[in-house]
Amino acid sequence: MMERVLGFVFCGVGIYLLLGISSWLLLFLPKIDRIDTNAKGSSVFFRILLLPGVSIFWPYLTYRWILKKKPASVSHSKHDEISLHINFQKDR
């Protein structure tokens, strides 16, 4: 009985990871910049490093990819640097 349950669990985990690797190959390897604008023009080695994370979090990432939601990009303007410097001096 226990062997059968473990067989189902391992089969489910295998299917989940297979779907994650498939989504990495089809969606994220060629077009990762659709989700993360900072990854635009990144190397293939960087995209290969994303494989473990995409394999685990593929449902959420696929959802974001389909909706074309882009995360808020980090802005490093001169104003941000000045306000950060002023706030740092106030804390001293």
N, C-alpha and C. Protein backbone atom coordinates (compact mmCIF):
# COMPACT_ATOMS: atom_id res chain seq x y z
N MET A 1 0.82 -1.20 0.00
CA MET A 1 0.00 0.00 0.00
C MET A 1 0.86 1.26 0.00
N MET A 2 1.87 1.28 0.89
CA MET A 2 2.74 2.44 0.99
C MET A 2 3.55 2.65 -0.29
N GLU A 3 3.95 1.55 -0.93
CA GLU A 3 4.70 1.66 -2.18
C GLU A 3 3.85 2.30 -3.27
N ARG A 4 2.59 2.00 -3.27
CA ARG A 4 1.68 2.56 -4.27
C ARG A 4 1.51 4.07 -4.06
N VAL A 5 1.36 4.48 -2.81
CA VAL A 5 1.22 5.90 -2.50
C VAL A 5 2.49 6.64 -2.90
N LEU A 6 3.65 6.08 -2.55
CA LEU A 6 4.91 6.72 -2.91
C LEU A 6 5.08 6.77 -4.43
N GLY A 7 4.61 5.76 -5.12
CA GLY A 7 4.66 5.77 -6.58
C GLY A 7 3.85 6.91 -7.16
N PHE A 8 2.66 7.14 -6.61
CA PHE A 8 1.83 8.26 -7.06
C PHE A 8 2.48 9.61 -6.75
N VAL A 9 3.07 9.72 -5.57
CA VAL A 9 3.73 10.97 -5.19
C VAL A 9 4.90 11.26 -6.12
N PHE A 10 5.75 10.27 -6.35
CA PHE A 10 6.90 10.47 -7.24
C PHE A 10 6.46 10.74 -8.67
N CYS A 11 5.41 10.10 -9.10
CA CYS A 11 4.88 10.35 -10.44
C CYS A 11 4.37 11.79 -10.54
N GLY A 12 3.67 12.25 -9.53
CA GLY A 12 3.16 13.62 -9.52
C GLY A 12 4.28 14.66 -9.51
N VAL A 13 5.30 14.41 -8.71
CA VAL A 13 6.44 15.33 -8.66
C VAL A 13 7.17 15.33 -10.00
N GLY A 14 7.30 14.16 -10.61
CA GLY A 14 7.96 14.06 -11.91
C GLY A 14 7.20 14.81 -12.99
N ILE A 15 5.88 14.69 -12.99
CA ILE A 15 5.07 15.41 -13.98
C ILE A 15 5.16 16.91 -13.75
N TYR A 16 5.14 17.33 -12.48
CA TYR A 16 5.26 18.75 -12.15
C TYR A 16 6.58 19.32 -12.66
N LEU A 17 7.69 18.61 -12.40
CA LEU A 17 9.00 19.07 -12.86
C LEU A 17 9.12 19.01 -14.37
N LEU A 18 8.51 18.02 -14.99
CA LEU A 18 8.52 17.94 -16.45
C LEU A 18 7.79 19.13 -17.07
N LEU A 19 6.67 19.50 -16.48
CA LEU A 19 5.96 20.69 -16.95
C LEU A 19 6.79 21.96 -16.72
N GLY A 20 7.52 22.01 -15.61
CA GLY A 20 8.37 23.16 -15.33
C GLY A 20 9.51 23.28 -16.32
N ILE A 21 10.15 22.17 -16.65
CA ILE A 21 11.24 22.19 -17.63
C ILE A 21 10.70 22.53 -19.01
N SER A 22 9.52 22.01 -19.34
CA SER A 22 8.91 22.33 -20.64
C SER A 22 8.58 23.81 -20.74
N SER A 23 8.05 24.39 -19.68
CA SER A 23 7.74 25.82 -19.73
C SER A 23 9.01 26.65 -19.81
N TRP A 24 10.09 26.19 -19.17
CA TRP A 24 11.37 26.89 -19.28
C TRP A 24 11.86 26.86 -20.72
N LEU A 25 11.76 25.70 -21.36
CA LEU A 25 12.22 25.59 -22.75
C LEU A 25 11.38 26.41 -23.71
N LEU A 26 10.07 26.37 -23.54
CA LEU A 26 9.18 27.01 -24.51
C LEU A 26 8.94 28.49 -24.26
N LEU A 27 8.87 28.88 -23.01
CA LEU A 27 8.48 30.26 -22.69
C LEU A 27 9.64 31.12 -22.21
N PHE A 28 10.42 30.60 -21.28
CA PHE A 28 11.37 31.45 -20.57
C PHE A 28 12.76 31.47 -21.18
N LEU A 29 13.17 30.41 -21.81
CA LEU A 29 14.49 30.43 -22.43
C LEU A 29 14.56 31.46 -23.56
N PRO A 30 13.58 31.48 -24.46
CA PRO A 30 13.68 32.49 -25.52
C PRO A 30 13.20 33.89 -25.14
N LYS A 31 12.23 33.99 -24.20
CA LYS A 31 11.60 35.30 -23.96
C LYS A 31 11.49 35.63 -22.48
N ILE A 32 12.57 35.50 -21.74
CA ILE A 32 12.53 35.82 -20.31
C ILE A 32 12.34 37.32 -20.09
N ASP A 33 12.74 38.14 -21.05
CA ASP A 33 12.61 39.59 -20.88
C ASP A 33 11.17 40.06 -20.91
N ARG A 34 10.26 39.17 -21.27
CA ARG A 34 8.84 39.52 -21.23
C ARG A 34 8.36 39.66 -19.79
N ILE A 35 9.00 38.94 -18.87
CA ILE A 35 8.66 39.04 -17.45
C ILE A 35 9.62 39.97 -16.73
N ASP A 36 10.90 39.81 -16.99
CA ASP A 36 11.91 40.61 -16.29
C ASP A 36 12.67 41.45 -17.31
N THR A 37 12.45 42.74 -17.27
CA THR A 37 13.08 43.62 -18.26
C THR A 37 14.59 43.69 -18.07
N ASN A 38 15.08 43.40 -16.88
CA ASN A 38 16.52 43.43 -16.64
C ASN A 38 17.24 42.25 -17.29
N ALA A 39 16.51 41.21 -17.67
CA ALA A 39 17.12 40.04 -18.28
C ALA A 39 17.25 40.19 -19.80
N LYS A 40 16.84 41.31 -20.33
CA LYS A 40 16.93 41.53 -21.77
C LYS A 40 18.38 41.51 -22.21
N GLY A 41 18.68 40.70 -23.21
CA GLY A 41 20.03 40.60 -23.73
C GLY A 41 20.96 39.75 -22.88
N SER A 42 20.41 38.98 -21.94
CA SER A 42 21.26 38.15 -21.08
C SER A 42 21.78 36.94 -21.84
N SER A 43 22.83 36.37 -21.32
CA SER A 43 23.47 35.24 -21.99
C SER A 43 22.67 33.96 -21.79
N VAL A 44 22.99 32.96 -22.58
CA VAL A 44 22.33 31.66 -22.47
C VAL A 44 22.72 31.01 -21.13
N PHE A 45 23.94 31.23 -20.68
CA PHE A 45 24.37 30.67 -19.40
C PHE A 45 23.51 31.19 -18.25
N PHE A 46 23.19 32.47 -18.26
CA PHE A 46 22.31 33.04 -17.24
C PHE A 46 20.93 32.39 -17.30
N ARG A 47 20.43 32.18 -18.50
CA ARG A 47 19.10 31.57 -18.64
C ARG A 47 19.10 30.12 -18.19
N ILE A 48 20.22 29.43 -18.36
CA ILE A 48 20.33 28.05 -17.87
C ILE A 48 20.32 28.04 -16.35
N LEU A 49 20.92 29.05 -15.73
CA LEU A 49 20.91 29.14 -14.27
C LEU A 49 19.50 29.32 -13.70
N LEU A 50 18.59 29.82 -14.51
CA LEU A 50 17.21 30.01 -14.07
C LEU A 50 16.39 28.71 -14.07
N LEU A 51 16.91 27.66 -14.67
CA LEU A 51 16.16 26.41 -14.81
C LEU A 51 15.62 25.87 -13.48
N PRO A 52 16.41 25.75 -12.41
CA PRO A 52 15.84 25.21 -11.17
C PRO A 52 14.69 26.04 -10.61
N GLY A 53 14.84 27.35 -10.63
CA GLY A 53 13.78 28.21 -10.11
C GLY A 53 12.52 28.16 -10.95
N VAL A 54 12.69 28.18 -12.27
CA VAL A 54 11.52 28.12 -13.16
C VAL A 54 10.84 26.77 -13.05
N SER A 55 11.62 25.70 -12.85
CA SER A 55 11.03 24.37 -12.72
C SER A 55 10.15 24.25 -11.50
N ILE A 56 10.46 25.00 -10.46
CA ILE A 56 9.67 24.95 -9.23
C ILE A 56 8.50 25.93 -9.27
N PHE A 57 8.76 27.14 -9.72
CA PHE A 57 7.73 28.19 -9.68
C PHE A 57 7.06 28.41 -11.03
N TRP A 58 7.01 27.40 -11.88
CA TRP A 58 6.48 27.58 -13.23
C TRP A 58 5.01 27.99 -13.26
N PRO A 59 4.13 27.57 -12.35
CA PRO A 59 2.73 28.04 -12.46
C PRO A 59 2.61 29.56 -12.34
N TYR A 60 3.30 30.14 -11.35
CA TYR A 60 3.24 31.58 -11.15
C TYR A 60 3.91 32.32 -12.31
N LEU A 61 5.06 31.86 -12.74
CA LEU A 61 5.78 32.52 -13.82
C LEU A 61 5.03 32.43 -15.14
N THR A 62 4.40 31.30 -15.39
CA THR A 62 3.60 31.16 -16.61
C THR A 62 2.39 32.09 -16.56
N TYR A 63 1.78 32.21 -15.40
CA TYR A 63 0.66 33.13 -15.21
C TYR A 63 1.10 34.57 -15.54
N ARG A 64 2.26 34.98 -15.01
CA ARG A 64 2.76 36.32 -15.29
C ARG A 64 3.14 36.48 -16.75
N TRP A 65 3.67 35.43 -17.35
CA TRP A 65 4.07 35.50 -18.75
C TRP A 65 2.85 35.66 -19.65
N ILE A 66 1.79 34.95 -19.34
CA ILE A 66 0.56 35.02 -20.15
C ILE A 66 -0.07 36.40 -20.02
N LEU A 67 -0.10 36.95 -18.81
CA LEU A 67 -0.70 38.26 -18.60
C LEU A 67 0.22 39.40 -19.03
N LYS A 68 1.45 39.08 -19.37
CA LYS A 68 2.45 40.07 -19.79
C LYS A 68 2.68 41.12 -18.73
N LYS A 69 2.56 40.73 -17.49
CA LYS A 69 2.83 41.68 -16.42
C LYS A 69 4.33 41.83 -16.29
N LYS A 70 4.75 43.06 -16.28
CA LYS A 70 6.16 43.34 -16.09
C LYS A 70 6.35 43.92 -14.70
N PRO A 71 7.37 43.47 -13.99
CA PRO A 71 7.59 44.04 -12.66
C PRO A 71 8.04 45.48 -12.76
N ALA A 72 7.80 46.21 -11.71
CA ALA A 72 8.24 47.61 -11.69
C ALA A 72 9.76 47.65 -11.77
N SER A 73 10.26 48.37 -12.73
CA SER A 73 11.71 48.45 -12.87
C SER A 73 12.27 49.38 -11.81
N VAL A 74 13.46 49.07 -11.38
CA VAL A 74 14.12 49.87 -10.36
C VAL A 74 14.72 51.10 -11.02
N SER A 75 14.37 52.24 -10.49
CA SER A 75 14.86 53.49 -11.04
C SER A 75 15.97 54.03 -10.15
N HIS A 76 17.09 54.33 -10.76
CA HIS A 76 18.21 54.89 -10.02
C HIS A 76 18.47 56.30 -10.54
N SER A 77 17.58 57.18 -10.21
CA SER A 77 17.74 58.55 -10.66
C SER A 77 18.62 59.32 -9.67
N LYS A 78 19.06 60.47 -10.09
CA LYS A 78 19.88 61.34 -9.24
C LYS A 78 19.09 61.77 -8.01
N HIS A 79 17.78 61.98 -8.17
CA HIS A 79 16.93 62.39 -7.05
C HIS A 79 16.92 61.30 -5.98
N ASP A 80 16.83 60.02 -6.37
CA ASP A 80 16.82 58.93 -5.41
C ASP A 80 18.13 58.88 -4.62
N GLU A 81 19.24 59.10 -5.31
CA GLU A 81 20.53 59.07 -4.63
C GLU A 81 20.66 60.21 -3.63
N ILE A 82 20.16 61.39 -3.98
CA ILE A 82 20.24 62.54 -3.08
C ILE A 82 19.37 62.32 -1.85
N SER A 83 18.14 61.84 -2.05
CA SER A 83 17.24 61.63 -0.91
C SER A 83 17.77 60.50 -0.02
N LEU A 84 18.40 59.49 -0.59
CA LEU A 84 18.98 58.43 0.21
C LEU A 84 20.13 58.98 1.04
N HIS A 85 20.94 59.84 0.45
CA HIS A 85 22.07 60.45 1.17
C HIS A 85 21.57 61.33 2.31
N ILE A 86 20.53 62.11 2.07
CA ILE A 86 19.97 62.99 3.10
C ILE A 86 19.39 62.16 4.24
N ASN A 87 18.65 61.11 3.93
CA ASN A 87 18.07 60.27 4.97
C ASN A 87 19.15 59.56 5.78
N PHE A 88 20.24 59.18 5.13
CA PHE A 88 21.33 58.53 5.83
C PHE A 88 21.97 59.49 6.83
N GLN A 89 22.13 60.75 6.42
CA GLN A 89 22.74 61.74 7.31
C GLN A 89 21.83 62.08 8.48
N LYS A 90 20.52 62.02 8.30
CA LYS A 90 19.60 62.30 9.39
C LYS A 90 19.69 61.23 10.47
N ASP A 91 19.96 59.99 10.05
CA ASP A 91 20.02 58.89 11.03
C ASP A 91 21.26 58.94 11.90
N ARG A 92 22.25 59.67 11.51
CA ARG A 92 23.51 59.72 12.28
C ARG A 92 23.34 60.48 13.50
